[in-house]
N, C-alpha and C. Protein backbone atom coordinates (compact mmCIF):
# COMPACT_ATOMS: atom_id res chain seq x y z
N MET A 1 66.30 -25.09 3.94
CA MET A 1 66.87 -24.31 3.38
C MET A 1 66.21 -24.31 1.96
N SER A 2 66.33 -22.83 0.79
CA SER A 2 65.76 -22.80 -0.66
C SER A 2 66.76 -23.52 -1.01
N MET A 3 66.35 -23.66 -2.69
CA MET A 3 67.94 -24.49 -3.79
C MET A 3 68.92 -23.41 -3.82
N PHE A 4 69.50 -23.92 -4.14
CA PHE A 4 70.77 -23.42 -4.76
C PHE A 4 70.56 -22.38 -6.24
N ARG A 5 70.89 -21.37 -6.40
CA ARG A 5 70.59 -20.62 -7.20
C ARG A 5 72.03 -19.89 -7.81
N SER A 6 72.24 -20.14 -8.75
CA SER A 6 73.87 -19.68 -9.89
C SER A 6 73.56 -18.23 -9.50
N ALA A 7 74.91 -17.80 -10.23
CA ALA A 7 75.12 -16.19 -9.74
C ALA A 7 75.38 -15.77 -11.28
N ASP A 8 75.95 -16.63 -12.01
CA ASP A 8 76.54 -16.82 -13.66
C ASP A 8 75.76 -15.98 -14.07
N GLY A 9 76.39 -14.88 -14.79
CA GLY A 9 75.54 -14.13 -15.68
C GLY A 9 75.09 -12.73 -15.51
N LEU A 10 74.95 -12.50 -14.17
CA LEU A 10 73.90 -11.35 -13.30
C LEU A 10 74.94 -10.50 -13.63
N PRO A 11 74.42 -9.31 -13.54
CA PRO A 11 75.39 -8.03 -13.53
C PRO A 11 75.90 -7.76 -11.81
N ASP A 12 77.40 -7.31 -11.66
CA ASP A 12 77.92 -7.47 -10.86
C ASP A 12 78.12 -5.95 -10.42
N HIS A 13 77.67 -4.71 -10.57
CA HIS A 13 77.59 -4.11 -10.60
C HIS A 13 79.15 -3.39 -9.89
N GLY A 14 79.98 -4.35 -10.29
CA GLY A 14 81.35 -3.16 -10.31
C GLY A 14 81.86 -3.89 -8.76
N CYS A 15 81.33 -5.24 -8.25
CA CYS A 15 81.77 -5.53 -7.59
C CYS A 15 82.41 -7.42 -7.24
N GLY A 16 82.27 -7.58 -8.50
CA GLY A 16 82.64 -8.69 -8.82
C GLY A 16 81.99 -9.58 -8.40
N ALA A 17 81.85 -11.17 -7.48
CA ALA A 17 80.85 -12.32 -7.66
C ALA A 17 80.09 -11.43 -6.59
N LEU A 18 80.42 -10.95 -5.69
CA LEU A 18 79.49 -10.40 -4.27
C LEU A 18 78.36 -9.74 -5.01
N GLY A 19 78.68 -8.38 -5.93
CA GLY A 19 77.66 -7.90 -6.38
C GLY A 19 76.91 -8.61 -7.53
N ARG A 20 77.20 -9.79 -8.10
CA ARG A 20 75.91 -10.77 -9.24
C ARG A 20 75.48 -11.10 -8.27
N VAL A 21 75.65 -11.78 -6.75
CA VAL A 21 75.09 -12.40 -5.45
C VAL A 21 74.32 -11.66 -4.91
N ALA A 22 74.53 -10.26 -4.87
CA ALA A 22 73.78 -9.15 -3.94
C ALA A 22 72.51 -9.24 -5.36
N HIS A 23 72.75 -9.16 -6.25
CA HIS A 23 71.97 -8.37 -6.99
C HIS A 23 71.01 -9.92 -7.55
N GLY A 24 71.39 -10.59 -7.84
CA GLY A 24 70.72 -12.37 -8.01
C GLY A 24 69.71 -11.97 -6.24
N ALA A 25 70.04 -11.55 -4.99
CA ALA A 25 69.17 -12.18 -3.97
C ALA A 25 68.18 -11.15 -3.85
N LEU A 26 68.83 -9.68 -4.53
CA LEU A 26 67.48 -8.65 -4.21
C LEU A 26 66.32 -9.03 -5.63
N THR A 27 66.89 -9.73 -6.13
CA THR A 27 65.91 -10.10 -7.18
C THR A 27 64.88 -11.32 -7.91
N ALA A 28 65.35 -12.07 -6.29
CA ALA A 28 64.84 -13.76 -6.16
C ALA A 28 63.64 -13.80 -5.94
N PRO A 29 62.93 -14.32 -7.14
CA PRO A 29 61.50 -14.89 -6.60
C PRO A 29 61.05 -15.01 -5.40
N LEU A 30 59.81 -14.58 -4.87
CA LEU A 30 59.42 -15.17 -3.44
C LEU A 30 58.52 -16.47 -3.77
N ASP A 31 59.09 -17.02 -2.57
CA ASP A 31 58.49 -18.57 -2.36
C ASP A 31 57.07 -18.56 -2.68
N PRO A 32 56.12 -19.64 -2.75
CA PRO A 32 54.80 -19.31 -2.56
C PRO A 32 54.23 -19.35 -1.44
N GLY A 33 53.14 -17.94 -1.11
CA GLY A 33 52.55 -17.79 -0.17
C GLY A 33 53.37 -16.58 1.00
N GLU A 34 54.64 -16.30 0.15
CA GLU A 34 55.21 -15.62 0.63
C GLU A 34 55.28 -14.34 0.20
N ALA A 35 55.01 -13.59 1.55
CA ALA A 35 54.57 -12.09 1.64
C ALA A 35 55.83 -11.43 1.01
N PRO A 36 55.37 -10.28 0.24
CA PRO A 36 56.74 -9.41 -0.20
C PRO A 36 57.24 -8.62 0.72
N GLY A 37 58.22 -7.95 0.49
CA GLY A 37 58.89 -6.90 1.21
C GLY A 37 59.57 -7.28 2.66
N LEU A 38 58.64 -8.77 2.85
CA LEU A 38 59.91 -9.35 4.35
C LEU A 38 60.81 -9.03 4.29
N LEU A 39 61.78 -9.49 5.56
CA LEU A 39 62.99 -9.57 5.72
C LEU A 39 63.38 -10.57 5.25
N ARG A 40 64.34 -11.17 4.01
CA ARG A 40 64.93 -12.08 3.58
C ARG A 40 66.46 -12.10 3.97
N LEU A 41 67.31 -13.20 4.16
CA LEU A 41 68.12 -13.14 4.41
C LEU A 41 69.36 -14.46 3.64
N PHE A 42 70.44 -14.42 2.41
CA PHE A 42 70.85 -14.88 1.89
C PHE A 42 72.43 -15.38 2.21
N LEU A 43 72.46 -16.26 1.62
CA LEU A 43 74.06 -17.26 1.83
C LEU A 43 74.50 -16.76 0.38
N GLY A 44 76.26 -15.97 1.01
CA GLY A 44 76.42 -16.88 -0.95
C GLY A 44 77.74 -17.14 -0.72
N TYR A 45 77.95 -18.17 -1.86
CA TYR A 45 78.86 -19.25 -2.04
C TYR A 45 80.24 -19.32 -3.44
N ASN A 46 80.98 -19.34 -2.52
CA ASN A 46 82.20 -19.27 -3.80
C ASN A 46 82.33 -17.59 -4.68
N THR A 47 82.33 -16.61 -3.73
CA THR A 47 82.52 -15.63 -4.33
C THR A 47 83.79 -15.17 -4.08
N LEU A 48 84.56 -15.17 -3.32
CA LEU A 48 86.00 -15.08 -3.17
C LEU A 48 87.21 -15.60 -3.82
N PRO A 49 88.56 -15.60 -4.28
CA PRO A 49 89.43 -15.86 -4.92
C PRO A 49 89.43 -17.36 -4.48
N ASP A 50 90.09 -18.69 -5.59
CA ASP A 50 89.86 -19.70 -5.18
C ASP A 50 89.31 -20.47 -4.50
N PRO A 51 88.07 -20.02 -5.10
CA PRO A 51 87.08 -21.15 -4.70
C PRO A 51 86.96 -22.67 -4.97
N PRO A 52 86.51 -23.49 -3.60
CA PRO A 52 86.57 -24.87 -4.07
C PRO A 52 85.79 -25.69 -5.25
N PHE A 53 85.07 -24.74 -5.78
CA PHE A 53 84.20 -25.01 -6.92
C PHE A 53 84.16 -23.74 -7.70
N PRO A 54 84.51 -23.71 -9.09
CA PRO A 54 83.94 -22.30 -9.86
C PRO A 54 82.94 -22.05 -10.21
N LEU A 55 82.07 -21.80 -8.96
CA LEU A 55 80.75 -21.70 -9.76
C LEU A 55 80.21 -20.62 -8.23
N ALA A 56 79.81 -19.70 -8.14
CA ALA A 56 79.73 -18.63 -7.23
C ALA A 56 77.48 -18.89 -7.18
N GLY A 57 76.95 -18.60 -6.56
CA GLY A 57 75.56 -18.84 -5.97
C GLY A 57 75.19 -18.52 -4.48
N PHE A 58 74.27 -18.53 -4.41
CA PHE A 58 73.73 -18.05 -3.07
C PHE A 58 72.08 -19.07 -2.77
N ILE A 59 71.37 -19.25 -1.90
CA ILE A 59 70.66 -19.42 -1.00
C ILE A 59 69.90 -18.99 0.10
N GLU A 60 68.41 -18.70 0.03
CA GLU A 60 67.96 -18.10 0.98
C GLU A 60 67.82 -19.22 2.66
N TYR A 61 68.31 -18.06 3.06
CA TYR A 61 68.27 -18.97 4.80
C TYR A 61 66.22 -18.37 4.85
N GLU A 62 66.29 -19.65 5.27
CA GLU A 62 64.89 -19.64 6.10
C GLU A 62 65.01 -19.39 6.95
N MET A 63 64.15 -18.89 7.59
CA MET A 63 63.98 -17.53 9.05
C MET A 63 62.80 -17.84 9.40
N ASP A 64 62.37 -17.84 10.65
CA ASP A 64 60.83 -17.38 11.09
C ASP A 64 60.17 -16.01 10.50
N PRO A 65 58.98 -15.99 10.22
CA PRO A 65 58.03 -15.16 9.87
C PRO A 65 57.86 -13.63 10.97
N GLU A 66 58.44 -14.34 12.23
CA GLU A 66 57.92 -13.16 13.40
C GLU A 66 59.53 -12.52 13.64
N VAL A 67 60.08 -12.81 12.78
CA VAL A 67 61.42 -11.78 12.85
C VAL A 67 61.11 -10.13 12.23
N ALA A 68 60.28 -10.12 11.22
CA ALA A 68 59.57 -8.98 11.21
C ALA A 68 59.10 -7.91 12.21
N GLU A 69 59.36 -9.03 12.98
CA GLU A 69 58.41 -8.22 14.10
C GLU A 69 59.33 -6.99 14.64
N HIS A 70 60.59 -7.34 14.72
CA HIS A 70 61.79 -6.63 15.00
C HIS A 70 62.85 -5.99 14.38
N ASP A 71 63.72 -4.68 14.53
CA ASP A 71 64.18 -4.46 13.79
C ASP A 71 65.48 -5.37 13.30
N LEU A 72 65.70 -4.58 12.08
CA LEU A 72 67.08 -5.22 11.48
C LEU A 72 68.71 -5.47 12.26
N GLY A 73 68.69 -4.50 13.02
CA GLY A 73 69.84 -4.65 13.94
C GLY A 73 69.36 -6.21 14.74
N THR A 74 68.75 -5.57 15.50
CA THR A 74 68.34 -7.07 16.66
C THR A 74 68.31 -8.59 16.34
N VAL A 75 67.30 -8.09 14.71
CA VAL A 75 67.76 -9.96 14.00
C VAL A 75 68.71 -9.97 13.65
N LEU A 76 69.83 -9.67 13.53
CA LEU A 76 71.36 -9.63 12.44
C LEU A 76 72.12 -10.17 13.71
N ARG A 77 71.85 -9.53 15.42
CA ARG A 77 72.73 -10.07 16.53
C ARG A 77 72.20 -11.26 17.17
N PHE A 78 70.57 -11.44 16.80
CA PHE A 78 69.98 -12.33 17.51
C PHE A 78 70.77 -14.11 17.04
N LEU A 79 70.86 -13.77 15.33
CA LEU A 79 71.29 -15.17 14.33
C LEU A 79 72.69 -15.16 14.67
N ALA A 80 73.61 -14.20 15.13
CA ALA A 80 74.77 -13.95 15.43
C ALA A 80 75.22 -14.81 16.69
N GLU A 81 74.16 -14.44 17.62
CA GLU A 81 74.48 -14.98 18.89
C GLU A 81 73.98 -16.38 18.69
N SER A 82 73.07 -17.04 17.85
CA SER A 82 72.24 -18.54 18.07
C SER A 82 73.19 -19.60 17.65
N PHE A 83 73.98 -18.95 16.30
CA PHE A 83 75.35 -19.51 15.60
C PHE A 83 76.18 -19.56 16.73
N ARG A 84 76.79 -18.74 17.02
CA ARG A 84 77.99 -18.95 18.47
C ARG A 84 77.50 -19.82 19.02
N ALA A 85 76.25 -20.00 19.79
CA ALA A 85 75.73 -20.36 20.78
C ALA A 85 75.18 -22.27 20.66
N GLN A 86 75.66 -22.09 19.55
CA GLN A 86 74.83 -23.62 18.46
C GLN A 86 76.05 -24.28 18.85
N PRO A 87 75.59 -25.92 19.49
CA PRO A 87 77.00 -26.64 19.78
C PRO A 87 77.23 -27.15 17.98
N VAL A 88 78.50 -28.13 18.13
CA VAL A 88 78.49 -28.66 16.48
C VAL A 88 78.11 -30.18 17.33
N PRO A 89 77.42 -30.37 15.97
CA PRO A 89 77.31 -31.94 15.86
C PRO A 89 78.33 -32.35 15.59
N PRO A 90 78.49 -33.83 16.17
CA PRO A 90 79.27 -34.91 16.56
C PRO A 90 79.64 -35.45 14.96
N GLU A 91 80.91 -35.81 14.72
CA GLU A 91 81.20 -36.61 13.37
C GLU A 91 79.92 -37.53 13.48
N GLY A 92 79.82 -37.80 12.12
CA GLY A 92 78.98 -38.66 11.82
C GLY A 92 77.62 -38.32 11.53
N THR A 93 77.26 -37.29 11.79
CA THR A 93 76.07 -36.43 12.03
C THR A 93 75.58 -36.24 10.30
N TYR A 94 76.72 -35.85 9.69
CA TYR A 94 76.40 -35.45 8.24
C TYR A 94 77.08 -36.67 7.44
N ASP A 95 75.91 -37.56 6.44
CA ASP A 95 76.43 -38.30 5.41
C ASP A 95 77.53 -37.52 4.57
N ASP A 96 77.70 -38.77 3.25
CA ASP A 96 79.02 -38.16 2.31
C ASP A 96 78.39 -37.15 1.26
N VAL A 97 76.94 -37.45 0.87
CA VAL A 97 76.37 -36.40 0.10
C VAL A 97 76.24 -34.65 0.67
N HIS A 98 75.64 -34.96 2.22
CA HIS A 98 75.83 -33.36 2.36
C HIS A 98 77.18 -32.65 2.94
N ARG A 99 78.78 -33.53 3.18
CA ARG A 99 79.71 -33.45 3.57
C ARG A 99 80.38 -32.62 1.94
N ARG A 100 80.05 -33.86 1.45
CA ARG A 100 80.73 -32.92 -0.40
C ARG A 100 80.29 -32.11 -0.72
N SER A 101 78.92 -31.18 -0.55
CA SER A 101 78.32 -30.46 -0.90
C SER A 101 78.34 -29.37 -0.03
N ALA A 102 79.05 -29.36 0.95
CA ALA A 102 79.49 -27.83 2.18
C ALA A 102 80.85 -28.39 1.17
N ALA A 103 81.74 -28.83 1.28
CA ALA A 103 83.44 -28.59 0.53
C ALA A 103 82.96 -28.24 -0.29
N VAL A 104 82.57 -28.06 -1.55
CA VAL A 104 82.25 -27.23 -2.25
C VAL A 104 81.61 -26.06 -2.81
N LEU A 105 80.59 -26.11 -1.39
CA LEU A 105 79.55 -24.44 -1.31
C LEU A 105 80.26 -23.71 -0.49
N ARG A 106 81.08 -23.14 -0.50
CA ARG A 106 82.03 -22.06 0.56
C ARG A 106 81.27 -21.30 0.87
N VAL A 107 80.80 -21.09 2.48
CA VAL A 107 80.45 -19.94 2.72
C VAL A 107 81.11 -18.30 2.60
N ASP A 108 81.09 -17.30 1.25
CA ASP A 108 82.07 -16.47 1.64
C ASP A 108 81.03 -14.90 1.66
N ALA A 109 79.80 -15.23 1.67
CA ALA A 109 79.46 -13.85 1.42
C ALA A 109 78.00 -14.10 2.55
N MET A 110 77.03 -13.19 2.36
CA MET A 110 75.97 -12.71 2.82
C MET A 110 74.82 -11.37 2.35
N VAL A 111 73.81 -11.37 2.29
CA VAL A 111 73.13 -10.37 1.63
C VAL A 111 71.38 -10.55 2.37
N VAL A 112 71.26 -9.23 2.75
CA VAL A 112 70.13 -8.59 3.55
C VAL A 112 69.10 -8.40 2.50
N VAL A 113 67.97 -8.61 2.69
CA VAL A 113 67.41 -7.82 1.77
C VAL A 113 65.58 -7.67 2.27
N PHE A 114 65.62 -5.85 2.38
CA PHE A 114 64.63 -5.92 3.22
C PHE A 114 63.44 -4.35 2.49
N ALA A 115 62.28 -4.22 2.67
CA ALA A 115 61.88 -3.33 1.93
C ALA A 115 62.28 -1.89 3.10
N GLY A 116 62.21 -0.97 1.76
CA GLY A 116 63.02 0.71 2.70
C GLY A 116 62.14 1.85 1.46
N ARG A 117 62.65 2.89 1.22
CA ARG A 117 62.37 3.81 0.92
C ARG A 117 63.32 4.78 0.45
N ALA A 118 63.43 4.84 -1.40
CA ALA A 118 64.49 5.21 -1.51
C ALA A 118 64.82 6.88 -1.79
N PHE A 119 65.77 7.23 -1.46
CA PHE A 119 66.13 8.80 -1.21
C PHE A 119 67.63 8.47 -2.23
N SER A 120 67.94 10.14 -2.21
CA SER A 120 69.40 10.36 -2.27
C SER A 120 70.09 11.19 -1.35
N PRO A 121 71.30 11.25 -0.84
CA PRO A 121 71.69 11.74 0.51
C PRO A 121 72.00 13.16 0.09
N GLU A 122 71.71 13.37 -1.37
CA GLU A 122 72.24 15.13 -1.78
C GLU A 122 70.97 15.69 -1.57
N GLN A 123 69.63 14.85 -1.40
CA GLN A 123 68.76 15.74 -1.88
C GLN A 123 68.38 16.97 -0.76
N SER A 124 68.93 16.56 0.51
CA SER A 124 67.96 17.39 1.62
C SER A 124 68.80 17.46 2.71
N ALA A 125 68.98 17.96 3.56
CA ALA A 125 69.23 18.24 5.04
C ALA A 125 68.67 16.44 5.57
N PRO A 126 67.76 16.69 5.83
CA PRO A 126 67.00 15.27 6.49
C PRO A 126 67.12 14.04 5.89
N ALA A 127 67.11 14.15 4.21
CA ALA A 127 67.55 13.36 3.11
C ALA A 127 69.39 12.71 3.60
N ARG A 128 69.93 13.08 4.16
CA ARG A 128 71.75 13.05 4.47
C ARG A 128 71.57 12.32 6.49
N ALA A 129 70.72 13.13 6.63
CA ALA A 129 70.63 12.64 7.72
C ALA A 129 69.25 11.34 8.14
N LEU A 130 68.57 10.92 7.09
CA LEU A 130 68.18 9.85 7.21
C LEU A 130 68.98 8.70 6.80
N TRP A 131 69.99 8.70 5.85
CA TRP A 131 70.82 7.95 5.36
C TRP A 131 71.73 6.63 5.90
N GLU A 132 72.48 7.92 6.83
CA GLU A 132 73.18 7.73 8.12
C GLU A 132 72.69 7.72 9.26
N ASN A 133 71.22 7.90 9.56
CA ASN A 133 70.46 6.50 10.45
C ASN A 133 70.19 4.71 9.71
N LEU A 134 70.66 5.44 8.54
CA LEU A 134 69.95 3.78 8.12
C LEU A 134 71.77 3.46 7.75
N VAL A 135 72.42 3.49 7.94
CA VAL A 135 73.69 3.19 7.50
C VAL A 135 74.80 2.63 9.08
N GLU A 136 73.66 3.34 10.24
CA GLU A 136 74.62 2.97 11.49
C GLU A 136 73.09 2.39 11.99
N GLY A 137 72.27 2.06 11.64
CA GLY A 137 71.42 0.71 12.05
C GLY A 137 70.41 1.61 13.01
N TYR A 138 70.78 2.90 12.71
CA TYR A 138 69.29 3.54 13.84
C TYR A 138 67.96 3.99 13.25
N TYR A 139 68.30 3.77 12.06
CA TYR A 139 66.53 3.50 11.18
C TYR A 139 65.97 2.80 11.63
N ARG A 140 64.11 3.58 11.51
CA ARG A 140 62.62 2.90 12.17
C ARG A 140 62.02 2.71 10.91
N GLU A 141 61.09 1.84 10.93
CA GLU A 141 60.48 2.24 10.20
C GLU A 141 59.43 3.22 10.44
N GLY A 142 59.22 3.71 9.40
CA GLY A 142 58.48 5.49 9.48
C GLY A 142 58.96 6.58 9.24
N ASP A 143 60.45 6.05 9.79
CA ASP A 143 61.15 7.67 9.38
C ASP A 143 61.01 8.42 7.78
N ALA A 144 61.56 7.43 7.04
CA ALA A 144 61.93 7.70 5.76
C ALA A 144 60.03 8.49 4.75
N GLU A 145 59.31 8.61 5.51
CA GLU A 145 58.16 9.35 5.16
C GLU A 145 58.11 10.37 5.47
N ALA A 146 58.70 11.13 6.38
CA ALA A 146 59.09 12.43 6.87
C ALA A 146 60.28 12.83 5.70
N CYS A 147 60.48 12.35 4.82
CA CYS A 147 61.95 12.90 3.86
C CYS A 147 60.64 12.55 2.86
N ALA A 148 60.69 14.17 2.08
CA ALA A 148 60.14 14.79 0.78
C ALA A 148 60.71 14.29 -0.29
N GLY A 149 59.58 13.36 -1.03
CA GLY A 149 60.63 12.62 -2.21
C GLY A 149 60.71 11.15 -2.28
N ALA A 150 60.64 10.53 -0.85
CA ALA A 150 61.11 9.58 -1.01
C ALA A 150 60.30 7.60 -1.80
N ARG A 151 60.64 7.14 -2.08
CA ARG A 151 60.24 6.26 -2.93
C ARG A 151 60.14 4.96 -2.05
N GLU A 152 59.41 4.06 -2.33
CA GLU A 152 59.15 2.58 -1.79
C GLU A 152 60.65 1.70 -2.55
N ALA A 153 61.18 1.08 -2.39
CA ALA A 153 62.03 0.55 -2.85
C ALA A 153 62.37 -0.42 -1.76
N LEU A 154 63.21 -2.04 -2.71
CA LEU A 154 63.67 -2.61 -2.17
C LEU A 154 65.39 -2.96 -2.05
N VAL A 155 65.82 -2.94 -0.40
CA VAL A 155 67.17 -2.64 -0.44
C VAL A 155 67.61 -4.39 0.22
N GLY A 156 69.40 -3.90 -0.50
CA GLY A 156 69.62 -5.07 -0.72
C GLY A 156 71.30 -4.79 -0.10
N LEU A 157 71.48 -5.33 0.69
CA LEU A 157 72.98 -5.06 1.64
C LEU A 157 73.84 -6.42 1.86
N GLY A 158 74.84 -5.97 1.13
CA GLY A 158 75.87 -7.37 1.18
C GLY A 158 77.21 -7.19 1.66
N VAL A 159 77.92 -8.18 2.06
CA VAL A 159 79.32 -8.07 2.55
C VAL A 159 80.03 -9.95 2.46
N ASP A 160 81.00 -10.00 2.42
CA ASP A 160 81.70 -10.61 2.04
C ASP A 160 82.49 -11.23 3.55
N ARG A 161 83.79 -12.02 3.47
CA ARG A 161 84.49 -12.55 4.24
C ARG A 161 85.66 -11.61 4.72
N ALA A 162 86.00 -10.95 3.27
CA ALA A 162 87.29 -10.09 2.73
C ALA A 162 86.42 -8.32 3.24
N ASP A 163 85.63 -8.33 4.16
CA ASP A 163 85.15 -7.20 4.45
C ASP A 163 84.34 -6.41 3.12
N SER A 164 84.12 -6.44 1.65
CA SER A 164 83.68 -5.92 0.73
C SER A 164 82.28 -5.77 0.86
N ARG A 165 81.92 -4.68 0.68
CA ARG A 165 80.60 -4.45 0.86
C ARG A 165 79.77 -3.75 -0.39
N VAL A 166 78.57 -3.82 -0.62
CA VAL A 166 77.76 -3.51 -1.52
C VAL A 166 76.30 -3.53 -0.99
N ILE A 167 75.60 -1.77 -1.92
CA ILE A 167 74.60 -1.84 -1.53
C ILE A 167 73.48 -1.60 -2.33
N LEU A 168 72.42 -2.60 -3.11
CA LEU A 168 71.79 -2.00 -4.54
C LEU A 168 70.48 -1.97 -3.70
N LEU A 169 70.10 -0.84 -4.47
CA LEU A 169 68.82 -0.24 -4.46
C LEU A 169 67.92 -0.46 -6.16
N ALA A 170 66.19 -1.36 -5.45
CA ALA A 170 65.59 -1.69 -6.49
C ALA A 170 64.55 -0.53 -6.37
N GLU A 171 63.90 0.49 -6.67
CA GLU A 171 62.86 1.31 -6.68
C GLU A 171 61.70 0.42 -7.54
N ARG A 172 60.60 0.66 -6.61
CA ARG A 172 58.74 -0.13 -7.14
C ARG A 172 58.80 1.49 -7.90
N CYS A 173 58.07 0.60 -9.45
CA CYS A 173 57.19 1.29 -10.04
C CYS A 173 56.01 1.45 -9.65
N PRO A 174 55.24 2.38 -10.32
CA PRO A 174 53.96 2.76 -10.13
C PRO A 174 53.24 1.16 -10.53
N SER A 175 53.56 0.53 -11.22
CA SER A 175 52.59 -0.73 -11.43
C SER A 175 53.11 -1.56 -10.43
N GLY A 176 53.47 -1.43 -9.25
CA GLY A 176 54.05 -2.65 -8.49
C GLY A 176 55.55 -3.25 -8.48
N GLU A 177 55.80 -3.27 -9.79
CA GLU A 177 56.90 -4.18 -9.82
C GLU A 177 58.41 -3.67 -9.68
N HIS A 178 59.52 -4.06 -9.74
CA HIS A 178 60.42 -3.40 -9.09
C HIS A 178 61.23 -3.09 -10.19
N ALA A 179 62.14 -1.58 -10.05
CA ALA A 179 62.91 -1.35 -11.41
C ALA A 179 64.63 -2.73 -10.99
N ARG A 180 65.27 -2.41 -12.10
CA ARG A 180 66.28 -2.99 -12.42
C ARG A 180 67.34 -2.40 -11.02
N PRO A 181 67.86 -3.27 -10.14
CA PRO A 181 68.54 -2.79 -9.26
C PRO A 181 69.86 -1.97 -9.30
N GLU A 182 70.48 -0.74 -8.66
CA GLU A 182 71.15 0.07 -8.55
C GLU A 182 72.01 -0.22 -7.36
N ARG A 183 73.26 0.03 -8.07
CA ARG A 183 74.41 0.09 -6.92
C ARG A 183 74.34 1.93 -6.46
N VAL A 184 74.27 1.54 -4.96
CA VAL A 184 73.96 3.44 -4.70
C VAL A 184 75.37 2.84 -3.70
N GLY A 185 76.48 4.41 -3.90
CA GLY A 185 77.90 4.22 -3.13
C GLY A 185 78.75 3.65 -3.30
N GLU A 186 79.99 4.04 -2.65
CA GLU A 186 80.80 3.46 -3.83
C GLU A 186 81.53 2.06 -2.53
N SER A 187 81.90 3.24 -1.01
CA SER A 187 82.11 2.38 0.22
C SER A 187 81.52 2.73 1.47
N PRO A 188 80.05 2.06 1.31
CA PRO A 188 79.07 2.16 2.47
C PRO A 188 79.52 1.48 3.36
N GLU A 189 79.67 2.11 4.74
CA GLU A 189 80.05 1.71 6.22
C GLU A 189 78.50 1.38 7.17
N GLY A 190 78.62 1.54 8.13
CA GLY A 190 77.96 1.36 8.88
C GLY A 190 77.89 0.23 10.53
N THR A 191 76.73 0.10 10.76
CA THR A 191 76.41 -0.87 11.96
C THR A 191 75.92 -2.12 11.08
N LEU A 192 75.35 -1.47 10.50
CA LEU A 192 74.22 -3.23 9.79
C LEU A 192 75.44 -3.88 8.93
N TYR A 193 76.30 -3.26 8.32
CA TYR A 193 77.32 -3.73 7.69
C TYR A 193 77.98 -4.98 8.94
N ASP A 194 78.19 -4.32 10.02
CA ASP A 194 79.06 -4.62 10.70
C ASP A 194 77.93 -6.14 11.59
N LEU A 195 77.03 -5.86 11.85
CA LEU A 195 76.13 -7.07 11.78
C LEU A 195 76.00 -8.03 11.18
N LEU A 196 76.15 -7.71 10.01
CA LEU A 196 76.10 -9.03 8.81
C LEU A 196 77.49 -9.52 8.74
N GLY A 197 78.32 -8.75 8.97
CA GLY A 197 79.81 -9.47 8.92
C GLY A 197 80.11 -10.68 10.01
N GLU A 198 79.55 -10.04 10.98
CA GLU A 198 79.59 -10.80 12.02
C GLU A 198 78.88 -11.92 11.78
N LEU A 199 77.31 -12.26 11.44
CA LEU A 199 76.64 -12.73 11.24
C LEU A 199 77.09 -14.08 10.25
N LEU A 200 78.33 -13.20 9.30
CA LEU A 200 78.34 -14.58 8.56
C LEU A 200 79.64 -15.06 8.75
N ASP A 201 80.31 -14.12 9.60
CA ASP A 201 81.82 -14.98 10.31
C ASP A 201 81.13 -16.00 11.27
N ALA A 202 80.16 -15.99 11.59
CA ALA A 202 79.22 -16.81 12.72
C ALA A 202 79.15 -18.31 11.62
N GLN A 203 78.49 -18.23 11.00
CA GLN A 203 77.43 -18.87 9.96
C GLN A 203 79.10 -19.79 9.11
N TYR A 204 80.43 -18.92 9.27
CA TYR A 204 81.25 -19.82 8.44
C TYR A 204 82.22 -20.48 9.15
N ARG A 205 82.29 -20.64 10.45
CA ARG A 205 82.70 -21.14 11.46
C ARG A 205 82.25 -22.38 11.86
N TRP A 206 80.85 -22.12 11.97
CA TRP A 206 79.89 -23.31 12.00
C TRP A 206 79.76 -24.13 11.27
N THR A 207 79.78 -23.63 10.23
CA THR A 207 79.31 -24.36 9.11
C THR A 207 81.22 -25.70 9.19
N ARG A 208 82.34 -24.99 8.54
CA ARG A 208 83.67 -25.49 8.70
C ARG A 208 83.37 -26.68 10.26
N ALA A 209 82.55 -26.17 11.31
CA ALA A 209 83.43 -26.90 12.39
C ALA A 209 82.15 -28.49 12.15
N ALA A 210 81.02 -28.24 11.76
CA ALA A 210 80.51 -29.30 11.04
C ALA A 210 80.69 -29.78 10.62
N PHE A 211 80.87 -29.43 9.65
CA PHE A 211 81.23 -30.70 8.83
C PHE A 211 83.02 -31.08 8.31
N GLY A 212 84.03 -30.81 9.23
CA GLY A 212 85.23 -30.55 9.39
C GLY A 212 86.20 -30.40 8.08
N LEU A 213 85.94 -29.28 7.70
CA LEU A 213 86.48 -28.70 6.62
C LEU A 213 87.53 -28.01 6.88
């Protein structure tokens, strides 16, 4: 996995630590050689009340580049099933350093970042239908091309173990850079959030069991 990054001082978009972690994930720099726009997954730590250590942050989860060949819903389902099926390592597998790190970094949230198209549901009937497809997990690459006025953007979906949810959008400027992330909607719902929540739960349970927490 990548290094831990603190979310302290980042904008929370009205969502507390979850918003800060989502903002950090959406604006996290790419690793050398990493292609822009590919699917990225981040684990959020210590975002819920009474954290084991008073520092919220995030780590990017390393994924096989081949996941880009599949739609987001399929990837989230596969990862959740993989964690559920992954055996818990025997006691003594991890040394004291790893166990101490796991004890102070509680897995509380997860954020997925992907390239998309920015549009407003109020823009038109096609835009509303496209938005509903996105949150329900039925969006396919190229669907937004038919929506007049849609702009290139990065999208960040975040969820925590208390089922708080946030969606952030960073439109791509003509220069190629992305604008400051903005929150979209107040109470996002849909299949993608459900799947992301299932993956988060599977990750949390495995981590607790693996480190005896």
